[in-house]
């Protein structure tokens, strides 16, 4: 267990991330297995190094399932599930740290749901935020993304398409 991918990931977490990961795990949206939380709480006692002989699977099993006979397959699956959740947490943290990227995903979701008025509101918000940012390669990338989404918006809202069709060339400029 000492050389597992799970512990390799957990070793990179700072104190705040360990705490947030614990909160992430108890959310029924992300995890419905209470034994995963028990395993994490058992592992958390060895933070930050996660280097201890008590990190052997059989010993952890006794902390998670007191009084039950050790089952290699169940423990292996539990460790694997916790590892996958730690990877999901890393992905979620990265995603939520970039407001523009997560904003574009919101715009896509609004278009998918055909929520045109909300799309227009948020597109304007992100566009003004983009205009206030520094001009670099990311600026042009994000500008192209928002203009492509606006084109999708135009095609979805038939009542506006006739008057604004000339804006199709704008994404190509970016």
Foldseek 3Di string as FASTA:
>chain_A
DLPDPQLVLQLPDDPVLLVVLLVLAVDVVLHDDVLLSQLSVVQCVVPNNSDDPCPDLVNSCCSSPPPDDDDPVVSVVSSVSNSVSSVVSVVVVVCVVDVLNVLLVVLVVCLVVPVLVVNVVSLVVSVVVLVPDDDDPVSLVSQLSSLVSVVSSLVSPVVNVVPPVVCVCVSVVD
